[in-house]
């Protein structure tokens, strides 16, 4: 910031990126001029994994994005819908807590009555189960290492890993094939 100023651009391949190193300017960019900065770059991964940018997380800002956002807000995130789906969240948390209790119950007869639990994995599994029940209407088996559970987790892990990969064609579009 001392050398180039509070706001400047850099070139990333053929694309220009705006660098803002001042909170006041950043606030102005994200509040007053938010529509000018709301779009996303069209990346190869968003075309392939996002069904040609049809998924809300990959879609560029525009009429389609506003329509999908409105639909998501009304159909998934409204107070009425959250209240209707409250039982799903409660049931999944209850089921997961029961599984933790069963795990502890198996180990309590050992000399050390403490059980090591990977909480990151536990929260991921609870969240995955809730999302799948709400969006797909399907519950994965209770077994944490069942075939279908492993398949769902692998698919999601692969999706997020590959979505975040850098492709040279994103920086240099003329290398796209």
C-alpha atoms as a PDB file:
ATOM      1  CA  UNK A   1       0.000   0.000   0.000  1.00  0.00           C
ATOM      2  CA  UNK A   2       2.878   2.371   0.750  1.00  0.00           C
ATOM      3  CA  UNK A   3       4.444   1.735  -2.644  1.00  0.00           C
ATOM      4  CA  UNK A   4       1.398   1.485  -4.965  1.00  0.00           C
ATOM      5  CA  UNK A   5      -1.350   3.296  -3.063  1.00  0.00           C
ATOM      6  CA  UNK A   6      -4.606   2.282  -1.421  1.00  0.00           C
ATOM      7  CA  UNK A   7      -6.153   0.906  -4.618  1.00  0.00           C
ATOM      8  CA  UNK A   8      -4.427  -0.520  -7.692  1.00  0.00           C
ATOM      9  CA  UNK A   9      -4.768  -3.236 -10.329  1.00  0.00           C
ATOM     10  CA  UNK A  10      -2.547  -6.168 -11.147  1.00  0.00           C
ATOM     11  CA  UNK A  11      -2.568  -8.382 -14.191  1.00  0.00           C
ATOM     12  CA  UNK A  12      -3.224 -12.104 -13.660  1.00  0.00           C
ATOM     13  CA  UNK A  13      -2.710 -13.698 -17.056  1.00  0.00           C
ATOM     14  CA  UNK A  14      -5.045 -11.796 -19.363  1.00  0.00           C
ATOM     15  CA  UNK A  15      -7.323 -10.681 -16.518  1.00  0.00           C
ATOM     16  CA  UNK A  16      -6.954  -7.570 -14.405  1.00  0.00           C
ATOM     17  CA  UNK A  17      -7.569  -7.780 -10.663  1.00  0.00           C
ATOM     18  CA  UNK A  18      -8.338  -4.872  -8.375  1.00  0.00           C
ATOM     19  CA  UNK A  19      -6.407  -4.756  -5.096  1.00  0.00           C
ATOM     20  CA  UNK A  20      -7.907  -2.629  -2.330  1.00  0.00           C
ATOM     21  CA  UNK A  21      -5.767  -2.188   0.776  1.00  0.00           C
ATOM     22  CA  UNK A  22      -7.910   0.350   2.605  1.00  0.00           C
ATOM     23  CA  UNK A  23     -10.969  -0.655   4.622  1.00  0.00           C
ATOM     24  CA  UNK A  24     -12.904   2.510   3.761  1.00  0.00           C
ATOM     25  CA  UNK A  25     -12.505   1.937   0.030  1.00  0.00           C
ATOM     26  CA  UNK A  26     -13.255  -1.782   0.462  1.00  0.00           C
ATOM     27  CA  UNK A  27     -16.460  -0.895   2.330  1.00  0.00           C
ATOM     28  CA  UNK A  28     -17.470   1.462  -0.473  1.00  0.00           C
ATOM     29  CA  UNK A  29     -16.751  -1.245  -3.077  1.00  0.00           C
ATOM     30  CA  UNK A  30     -18.862  -3.809  -1.229  1.00  0.00           C
ATOM     31  CA  UNK A  31     -21.788  -1.565  -0.253  1.00  0.00           C
ATOM     32  CA  UNK A  32     -22.272   1.413  -2.551  1.00  0.00           C
ATOM     33  CA  UNK A  33     -20.745  -0.129  -5.695  1.00  0.00           C
ATOM     34  CA  UNK A  34     -21.568  -3.751  -4.897  1.00  0.00           C
ATOM     35  CA  UNK A  35     -23.219  -4.492  -8.251  1.00  0.00           C
ATOM     36  CA  UNK A  36     -20.093  -3.450 -10.128  1.00  0.00           C
ATOM     37  CA  UNK A  37     -18.023  -5.935  -8.098  1.00  0.00           C
ATOM     38  CA  UNK A  38     -20.643  -8.696  -7.764  1.00  0.00           C
ATOM     39  CA  UNK A  39     -19.686 -10.808 -10.762  1.00  0.00           C
ATOM     40  CA  UNK A  40     -17.385 -13.822 -10.809  1.00  0.00           C
ATOM     41  CA  UNK A  41     -14.842 -14.795 -13.420  1.00  0.00           C
ATOM     42  CA  UNK A  42     -16.007 -17.480 -15.834  1.00  0.00           C
ATOM     43  CA  UNK A  43     -13.700 -20.351 -14.953  1.00  0.00           C
ATOM     44  CA  UNK A  44     -13.369 -23.705 -16.673  1.00  0.00           C
ATOM     45  CA  UNK A  45     -14.292 -25.513 -13.458  1.00  0.00           C
ATOM     46  CA  UNK A  46     -17.494 -23.478 -13.099  1.00  0.00           C
ATOM     47  CA  UNK A  47     -18.487 -24.408 -16.641  1.00  0.00           C
ATOM     48  CA  UNK A  48     -17.917 -28.130 -16.112  1.00  0.00           C
ATOM     49  CA  UNK A  49     -18.881 -28.623 -12.451  1.00  0.00           C
ATOM     50  CA  UNK A  50     -21.458 -25.841 -12.271  1.00  0.00           C
ATOM     51  CA  UNK A  51     -23.443 -26.968 -15.331  1.00  0.00           C
ATOM     52  CA  UNK A  52     -22.219 -24.028 -17.407  1.00  0.00           C
ATOM     53  CA  UNK A  53     -22.493 -21.650 -14.434  1.00  0.00           C
ATOM     54  CA  UNK A  54     -26.091 -22.688 -13.632  1.00  0.00           C
ATOM     55  CA  UNK A  55     -25.347 -23.405  -9.953  1.00  0.00           C
ATOM     56  CA  UNK A  56     -25.815 -20.354  -7.741  1.00  0.00           C
ATOM     57  CA  UNK A  57     -22.276 -20.506  -6.366  1.00  0.00           C
ATOM     58  CA  UNK A  58     -20.780 -20.359  -9.860  1.00  0.00           C
ATOM     59  CA  UNK A  59     -23.290 -18.127 -11.667  1.00  0.00           C
ATOM     60  CA  UNK A  60     -22.223 -14.620 -12.655  1.00  0.00           C
ATOM     61  CA  UNK A  61     -24.284 -11.738 -11.330  1.00  0.00           C
ATOM     62  CA  UNK A  62     -27.242 -10.979 -13.564  1.00  0.00           C
ATOM     63  CA  UNK A  63     -30.953 -11.724 -14.051  1.00  0.00           C
ATOM     64  CA  UNK A  64     -30.445 -15.503 -13.788  1.00  0.00           C
ATOM     65  CA  UNK A  65     -28.423 -15.208 -10.558  1.00  0.00           C
ATOM     66  CA  UNK A  66     -31.045 -12.879  -9.029  1.00  0.00           C
ATOM     67  CA  UNK A  67     -33.830 -15.321  -9.970  1.00  0.00           C
ATOM     68  CA  UNK A  68     -31.994 -18.339  -8.496  1.00  0.00           C
ATOM     69  CA  UNK A  69     -31.103 -16.372  -5.360  1.00  0.00           C
ATOM     70  CA  UNK A  70     -34.744 -15.344  -4.909  1.00  0.00           C
ATOM     71  CA  UNK A  71     -35.893 -18.939  -5.381  1.00  0.00           C
ATOM     72  CA  UNK A  72     -33.280 -20.219  -2.895  1.00  0.00           C
ATOM     73  CA  UNK A  73     -34.203 -17.593  -0.342  1.00  0.00           C
ATOM     74  CA  UNK A  74     -37.921 -18.298  -0.585  1.00  0.00           C
ATOM     75  CA  UNK A  75     -37.849 -22.091  -1.003  1.00  0.00           C
ATOM     76  CA  UNK A  76     -34.908 -23.050   1.224  1.00  0.00           C
ATOM     77  CA  UNK A  77     -34.091 -20.222   3.612  1.00  0.00           C
ATOM     78  CA  UNK A  78     -37.416 -18.573   4.461  1.00  0.00           C
ATOM     79  CA  UNK A  79     -38.613 -18.699   8.077  1.00  0.00           C
ATOM     80  CA  UNK A  80     -41.591 -20.816   7.023  1.00  0.00           C
ATOM     81  CA  UNK A  81     -39.418 -23.366   5.182  1.00  0.00           C
ATOM     82  CA  UNK A  82     -36.878 -23.503   8.019  1.00  0.00           C
ATOM     83  CA  UNK A  83     -39.708 -24.164  10.465  1.00  0.00           C
ATOM     84  CA  UNK A  84     -41.112 -26.918   8.213  1.00  0.00           C
ATOM     85  CA  UNK A  85     -37.689 -28.588   8.026  1.00  0.00           C
ATOM     86  CA  UNK A  86     -36.839 -28.136  11.706  1.00  0.00           C
ATOM     87  CA  UNK A  87     -37.702 -31.771  12.436  1.00  0.00           C
ATOM     88  CA  UNK A  88     -35.105 -32.927   9.866  1.00  0.00           C
ATOM     89  CA  UNK A  89     -32.328 -30.957  11.542  1.00  0.00           C
ATOM     90  CA  UNK A  90     -33.386 -32.094  15.008  1.00  0.00           C
ATOM     91  CA  UNK A  91     -33.639 -35.744  13.949  1.00  0.00           C
ATOM     92  CA  UNK A  92     -30.205 -35.746  12.303  1.00  0.00           C
ATOM     93  CA  UNK A  93     -28.541 -34.129  15.321  1.00  0.00           C
ATOM     94  CA  UNK A  94     -30.335 -36.561  17.653  1.00  0.00           C
ATOM     95  CA  UNK A  95     -29.265 -39.544  15.528  1.00  0.00           C
ATOM     96  CA  UNK A  96     -25.663 -38.360  15.456  1.00  0.00           C
ATOM     97  CA  UNK A  97     -25.642 -37.809  19.223  1.00  0.00           C
ATOM     98  CA  UNK A  98     -27.033 -41.321  19.691  1.00  0.00           C
ATOM     99  CA  UNK A  99     -24.194 -42.678  17.564  1.00  0.00           C
ATOM    100  CA  UNK A 100     -21.685 -40.801  19.723  1.00  0.00           C
ATOM    101  CA  UNK A 101     -23.311 -42.235  22.838  1.00  0.00           C
ATOM    102  CA  UNK A 102     -23.163 -45.762  21.410  1.00  0.00           C
ATOM    103  CA  UNK A 103     -19.487 -45.270  20.609  1.00  0.00           C
ATOM    104  CA  UNK A 104     -18.822 -44.097  24.161  1.00  0.00           C
ATOM    105  CA  UNK A 105     -20.925 -46.932  25.586  1.00  0.00           C
ATOM    106  CA  UNK A 106     -18.791 -49.521  23.753  1.00  0.00           C
ATOM    107  CA  UNK A 107     -15.567 -48.010  25.084  1.00  0.00           C
ATOM    108  CA  UNK A 108     -16.656 -47.292  28.662  1.00  0.00           C
ATOM    109  CA  UNK A 109     -15.744 -50.779  29.869  1.00  0.00           C
ATOM    110  CA  UNK A 110     -12.110 -50.178  28.915  1.00  0.00           C
ATOM    111  CA  UNK A 111      -9.644 -48.872  31.553  1.00  0.00           C
ATOM    112  CA  UNK A 112      -9.889 -45.381  30.087  1.00  0.00           C
ATOM    113  CA  UNK A 113     -13.517 -44.315  29.764  1.00  0.00           C
ATOM    114  CA  UNK A 114     -12.646 -41.478  27.399  1.00  0.00           C
ATOM    115  CA  UNK A 115     -13.341 -41.715  23.685  1.00  0.00           C
ATOM    116  CA  UNK A 116     -11.431 -39.794  21.062  1.00  0.00           C
ATOM    117  CA  UNK A 117     -13.820 -38.263  18.517  1.00  0.00           C
ATOM    118  CA  UNK A 118     -12.835 -36.330  15.426  1.00  0.00           C
ATOM    119  CA  UNK A 119     -15.279 -33.440  15.861  1.00  0.00           C
ATOM    120  CA  UNK A 120     -14.440 -31.915  12.487  1.00  0.00           C
ATOM    121  CA  UNK A 121     -15.508 -35.146  10.822  1.00  0.00           C
ATOM    122  CA  UNK A 122     -18.551 -35.450  13.097  1.00  0.00           C
ATOM    123  CA  UNK A 123     -19.801 -31.943  12.254  1.00  0.00           C
ATOM    124  CA  UNK A 124     -19.123 -32.579   8.559  1.00  0.00           C
ATOM    125  CA  UNK A 125     -21.169 -35.778   8.688  1.00  0.00           C
ATOM    126  CA  UNK A 126     -24.062 -34.126  10.540  1.00  0.00           C
ATOM    127  CA  UNK A 127     -24.069 -31.237   8.076  1.00  0.00           C
ATOM    128  CA  UNK A 128     -23.903 -33.587   5.083  1.00  0.00           C
ATOM    129  CA  UNK A 129     -26.814 -35.642   6.420  1.00  0.00           C
ATOM    130  CA  UNK A 130     -28.942 -32.545   7.021  1.00  0.00           C
ATOM    131  CA  UNK A 131     -28.233 -31.125   3.568  1.00  0.00           C
ATOM    132  CA  UNK A 132     -28.912 -34.432   1.819  1.00  0.00           C
ATOM    133  CA  UNK A 133     -32.168 -34.940   3.706  1.00  0.00           C
ATOM    134  CA  UNK A 134     -33.375 -31.408   2.904  1.00  0.00           C
ATOM    135  CA  UNK A 135     -32.197 -31.087  -0.696  1.00  0.00           C
ATOM    136  CA  UNK A 136     -32.273 -34.650  -2.016  1.00  0.00           C
ATOM    137  CA  UNK A 137     -34.736 -36.178   0.435  1.00  0.00           C
ATOM    138  CA  UNK A 138     -32.354 -39.048   1.023  1.00  0.00           C
ATOM    139  CA  UNK A 139     -30.672 -40.149   4.199  1.00  0.00           C
ATOM    140  CA  UNK A 140     -27.332 -41.864   3.991  1.00  0.00           C
ATOM    141  CA  UNK A 141     -26.955 -44.961   6.158  1.00  0.00           C
ATOM    142  CA  UNK A 142     -26.100 -44.526   9.839  1.00  0.00           C
ATOM    143  CA  UNK A 143     -22.801 -46.326   9.394  1.00  0.00           C
ATOM    144  CA  UNK A 144     -20.051 -43.738   9.113  1.00  0.00           C
ATOM    145  CA  UNK A 145     -18.050 -45.986   6.824  1.00  0.00           C
ATOM    146  CA  UNK A 146     -20.835 -47.560   4.780  1.00  0.00           C
ATOM    147  CA  UNK A 147     -20.352 -47.830   1.015  1.00  0.00           C
ATOM    148  CA  UNK A 148     -22.904 -45.152   0.199  1.00  0.00           C
ATOM    149  CA  UNK A 149     -21.571 -42.797   2.886  1.00  0.00           C
ATOM    150  CA  UNK A 150     -18.036 -43.140   1.564  1.00  0.00           C
ATOM    151  CA  UNK A 151     -19.302 -42.580  -1.989  1.00  0.00           C
ATOM    152  CA  UNK A 152     -21.147 -39.339  -1.084  1.00  0.00           C
ATOM    153  CA  UNK A 153     -18.184 -38.002   0.879  1.00  0.00           C
ATOM    154  CA  UNK A 154     -15.731 -38.855  -1.897  1.00  0.00           C
ATOM    155  CA  UNK A 155     -17.937 -37.171  -4.494  1.00  0.00           C
ATOM    156  CA  UNK A 156     -18.172 -33.992  -2.421  1.00  0.00           C
ATOM    157  CA  UNK A 157     -14.451 -33.992  -1.590  1.00  0.00           C
ATOM    158  CA  UNK A 158     -13.570 -34.473  -5.272  1.00  0.00           C
ATOM    159  CA  UNK A 159     -16.017 -31.754  -6.322  1.00  0.00           C
ATOM    160  CA  UNK A 160     -14.535 -29.157  -3.970  1.00  0.00           C
ATOM    161  CA  UNK A 161     -10.951 -30.190  -4.656  1.00  0.00           C
ATOM    162  CA  UNK A 162     -11.330 -30.067  -8.432  1.00  0.00           C
ATOM    163  CA  UNK A 163     -13.375 -26.845  -8.314  1.00  0.00           C
ATOM    164  CA  UNK A 164     -10.483 -25.114  -6.601  1.00  0.00           C
ATOM    165  CA  UNK A 165      -7.746 -26.328  -8.935  1.00  0.00           C
ATOM    166  CA  UNK A 166      -5.918 -23.767 -11.005  1.00  0.00           C
ATOM    167  CA  UNK A 167      -6.151 -24.318 -14.731  1.00  0.00           C
ATOM    168  CA  UNK A 168      -3.807 -22.489 -17.062  1.00  0.00           C
ATOM    169  CA  UNK A 169      -6.730 -21.876 -19.428  1.00  0.00           C
ATOM    170  CA  UNK A 170      -8.394 -19.703 -16.764  1.00  0.00           C
ATOM    171  CA  UNK A 171      -5.454 -17.288 -16.831  1.00  0.00           C
ATOM    172  CA  UNK A 172      -4.717 -17.667 -20.548  1.00  0.00           C
ATOM    173  CA  UNK A 173      -8.058 -18.335 -22.308  1.00  0.00           C
ATOM    174  CA  UNK A 174      -6.468 -18.903 -25.711  1.00  0.00           C
ATOM    175  CA  UNK A 175      -5.057 -22.184 -24.304  1.00  0.00           C
ATOM    176  CA  UNK A 176      -8.590 -23.468 -23.627  1.00  0.00           C
ATOM    177  CA  UNK A 177      -9.629 -26.516 -25.638  1.00  0.00           C
END
